Amino acid sequence: MTNIILNELGKELEKRSHKFARYANDCLIFVESEKAANRVMKRITKFIEEELSLSVSATKSRISRPEEIKFLGFGFYYDYKQYKYKACEWGNSRKTKLE
């Protein structure tokens, strides 16, 4: 049931033009700076709790750098040649990155 309600979160994130990845109850929201991350965390938490009537776990919710994140068995690394983050299997070297 929560997963169905969280479809509304996806619509809200799209409306706000945020880049995000969501699978079941897990969600990553990508922003450009720590300041933006704090602002988005506050506003999206408020949206989830007030508009969707769901609770957000403060112990599971956090702001992190991409290279510190593991999501569905994948992590991220920065490709200095292309100046962007890319996904790779968690714990593996850049040689096993996803294209």
C-alpha atoms as a PDB file:
ATOM      1  CA  MET A   1       0.000   0.000   0.000  1.00  0.00           C
ATOM      2  CA  THR A   2       2.812   2.414   0.882  1.00  0.00           C
ATOM      3  CA  ASN A   3       4.381   1.781  -2.524  1.00  0.00           C
ATOM      4  CA  ILE A   4       1.180   2.919  -4.262  1.00  0.00           C
ATOM      5  CA  ILE A   5       1.026   6.069  -2.141  1.00  0.00           C
ATOM      6  CA  LEU A   6       4.694   6.794  -2.904  1.00  0.00           C
ATOM      7  CA  ASN A   7       3.815   7.095  -6.600  1.00  0.00           C
ATOM      8  CA  GLU A   8       2.546  10.526  -5.538  1.00  0.00           C
ATOM      9  CA  LEU A   9       6.061  11.280  -4.275  1.00  0.00           C
ATOM     10  CA  GLY A  10       7.417  10.469  -7.740  1.00  0.00           C
ATOM     11  CA  LYS A  11       4.901  12.841  -9.317  1.00  0.00           C
ATOM     12  CA  GLU A  12       5.858  15.573  -6.835  1.00  0.00           C
ATOM     13  CA  LEU A  13       9.580  15.111  -7.504  1.00  0.00           C
ATOM     14  CA  GLU A  14       8.953  15.296 -11.257  1.00  0.00           C
ATOM     15  CA  LYS A  15       6.858  18.431 -10.777  1.00  0.00           C
ATOM     16  CA  ARG A  16       9.770  19.995  -8.885  1.00  0.00           C
ATOM     17  CA  SER A  17      12.199  18.862 -11.645  1.00  0.00           C
ATOM     18  CA  HIS A  18      14.336  16.791  -9.259  1.00  0.00           C
ATOM     19  CA  LYS A  19      16.479  13.921 -10.523  1.00  0.00           C
ATOM     20  CA  PHE A  20      15.655  10.826  -8.497  1.00  0.00           C
ATOM     21  CA  ALA A  21      15.620   7.040  -8.379  1.00  0.00           C
ATOM     22  CA  ARG A  22      12.934   5.151  -6.480  1.00  0.00           C
ATOM     23  CA  TYR A  23      12.415   1.444  -5.894  1.00  0.00           C
ATOM     24  CA  ALA A  24       9.613   0.329  -3.568  1.00  0.00           C
ATOM     25  CA  ASN A  25      10.025   2.385  -0.361  1.00  0.00           C
ATOM     26  CA  ASP A  26      13.590   3.513  -1.119  1.00  0.00           C
ATOM     27  CA  CYS A  27      14.354   6.774  -2.868  1.00  0.00           C
ATOM     28  CA  LEU A  28      17.450   8.734  -3.886  1.00  0.00           C
ATOM     29  CA  ILE A  29      17.130  12.410  -4.782  1.00  0.00           C
ATOM     30  CA  PHE A  30      20.049  14.023  -6.580  1.00  0.00           C
ATOM     31  CA  VAL A  31      20.893  17.706  -6.109  1.00  0.00           C
ATOM     32  CA  GLU A  32      23.910  19.899  -6.840  1.00  0.00           C
ATOM     33  CA  SER A  33      25.007  21.008  -3.354  1.00  0.00           C
ATOM     34  CA  GLU A  34      24.771  20.237   0.342  1.00  0.00           C
ATOM     35  CA  LYS A  35      22.725  23.399   0.837  1.00  0.00           C
ATOM     36  CA  ALA A  36      20.217  22.224  -1.778  1.00  0.00           C
ATOM     37  CA  ALA A  37      20.201  18.747  -0.207  1.00  0.00           C
ATOM     38  CA  ASN A  38      19.253  20.161   3.200  1.00  0.00           C
ATOM     39  CA  ARG A  39      16.491  22.286   1.672  1.00  0.00           C
ATOM     40  CA  VAL A  40      15.085  19.396  -0.391  1.00  0.00           C
ATOM     41  CA  MET A  41      15.274  16.971   2.550  1.00  0.00           C
ATOM     42  CA  LYS A  42      13.271  19.358   4.718  1.00  0.00           C
ATOM     43  CA  ARG A  43      10.622  20.071   2.072  1.00  0.00           C
ATOM     44  CA  ILE A  44      10.208  16.508   0.831  1.00  0.00           C
ATOM     45  CA  THR A  45      10.014  15.161   4.392  1.00  0.00           C
ATOM     46  CA  LYS A  46       7.268  17.709   5.078  1.00  0.00           C
ATOM     47  CA  PHE A  47       5.451  16.661   1.872  1.00  0.00           C
ATOM     48  CA  ILE A  48       5.632  12.949   2.765  1.00  0.00           C
ATOM     49  CA  GLU A  49       4.457  13.472   6.341  1.00  0.00           C
ATOM     50  CA  GLU A  50       1.769  16.105   5.740  1.00  0.00           C
ATOM     51  CA  GLU A  51       0.448  15.347   2.242  1.00  0.00           C
ATOM     52  CA  LEU A  52       0.894  11.568   2.155  1.00  0.00           C
ATOM     53  CA  SER A  53       0.409  10.950   5.908  1.00  0.00           C
ATOM     54  CA  LEU A  54       3.474   8.697   6.086  1.00  0.00           C
ATOM     55  CA  SER A  55       6.311   8.852   8.575  1.00  0.00           C
ATOM     56  CA  VAL A  56       9.928   9.369   7.526  1.00  0.00           C
ATOM     57  CA  SER A  57      12.576   7.486   9.488  1.00  0.00           C
ATOM     58  CA  ALA A  58      15.170   9.996  10.691  1.00  0.00           C
ATOM     59  CA  THR A  59      17.654   7.172  11.295  1.00  0.00           C
ATOM     60  CA  LYS A  60      17.386   5.873   7.719  1.00  0.00           C
ATOM     61  CA  SER A  61      17.180   9.258   5.961  1.00  0.00           C
ATOM     62  CA  ARG A  62      20.434  11.060   5.326  1.00  0.00           C
ATOM     63  CA  ILE A  63      22.368  13.372   3.058  1.00  0.00           C
ATOM     64  CA  SER A  64      25.415  11.732   1.455  1.00  0.00           C
ATOM     65  CA  ARG A  65      27.970  12.196  -1.284  1.00  0.00           C
ATOM     66  CA  PRO A  66      27.317   9.881  -4.265  1.00  0.00           C
ATOM     67  CA  GLU A  67      30.438   7.774  -3.616  1.00  0.00           C
ATOM     68  CA  GLU A  68      29.102   6.957  -0.110  1.00  0.00           C
ATOM     69  CA  ILE A  69      25.796   5.548  -1.387  1.00  0.00           C
ATOM     70  CA  LYS A  70      24.831   1.930  -1.971  1.00  0.00           C
ATOM     71  CA  PHE A  71      21.467   1.491  -3.710  1.00  0.00           C
ATOM     72  CA  LEU A  72      20.137  -1.865  -4.931  1.00  0.00           C
ATOM     73  CA  GLY A  73      23.640  -3.328  -4.940  1.00  0.00           C
ATOM     74  CA  PHE A  74      25.220  -0.465  -6.865  1.00  0.00           C
ATOM     75  CA  GLY A  75      27.413   2.467  -5.920  1.00  0.00           C
ATOM     76  CA  PHE A  76      28.676   5.553  -7.716  1.00  0.00           C
ATOM     77  CA  TYR A  77      32.067   6.899  -8.684  1.00  0.00           C
ATOM     78  CA  TYR A  78      33.160  10.103 -10.376  1.00  0.00           C
ATOM     79  CA  ASP A  79      34.513   9.774 -13.921  1.00  0.00           C
ATOM     80  CA  TYR A  80      37.064  12.574 -14.213  1.00  0.00           C
ATOM     81  CA  LYS A  81      37.307  12.136 -17.991  1.00  0.00           C
ATOM     82  CA  GLN A  82      33.601  12.777 -18.546  1.00  0.00           C
ATOM     83  CA  TYR A  83      33.053  15.001 -15.474  1.00  0.00           C
ATOM     84  CA  LYS A  84      30.077  13.077 -14.119  1.00  0.00           C
ATOM     85  CA  TYR A  85      29.113  10.344 -11.679  1.00  0.00           C
ATOM     86  CA  LYS A  86      28.566   6.830 -12.981  1.00  0.00           C
ATOM     87  CA  ALA A  87      27.120   3.678 -11.456  1.00  0.00           C
ATOM     88  CA  CYS A  88      29.154   0.553 -10.719  1.00  0.00           C
ATOM     89  CA  GLU A  89      28.579  -2.679  -8.834  1.00  0.00           C
ATOM     90  CA  TRP A  90      29.105  -1.995  -5.126  1.00  0.00           C
ATOM     91  CA  GLY A  91      32.583  -2.987  -3.959  1.00  0.00           C
ATOM     92  CA  ASN A  92      33.992  -3.564  -7.445  1.00  0.00           C
ATOM     93  CA  SER A  93      36.556  -1.495  -9.290  1.00  0.00           C
ATOM     94  CA  ARG A  94      35.807   1.007 -12.015  1.00  0.00           C
ATOM     95  CA  LYS A  95      36.510  -1.718 -14.579  1.00  0.00           C
ATOM     96  CA  THR A  96      33.112  -3.256 -13.820  1.00  0.00           C
ATOM     97  CA  LYS A  97      31.220   0.004 -14.172  1.00  0.00           C
ATOM     98  CA  LEU A  98      27.876   0.202 -15.920  1.00  0.00           C
ATOM     99  CA  GLU A  99      27.710   2.004 -19.237  1.00  0.00           C
END
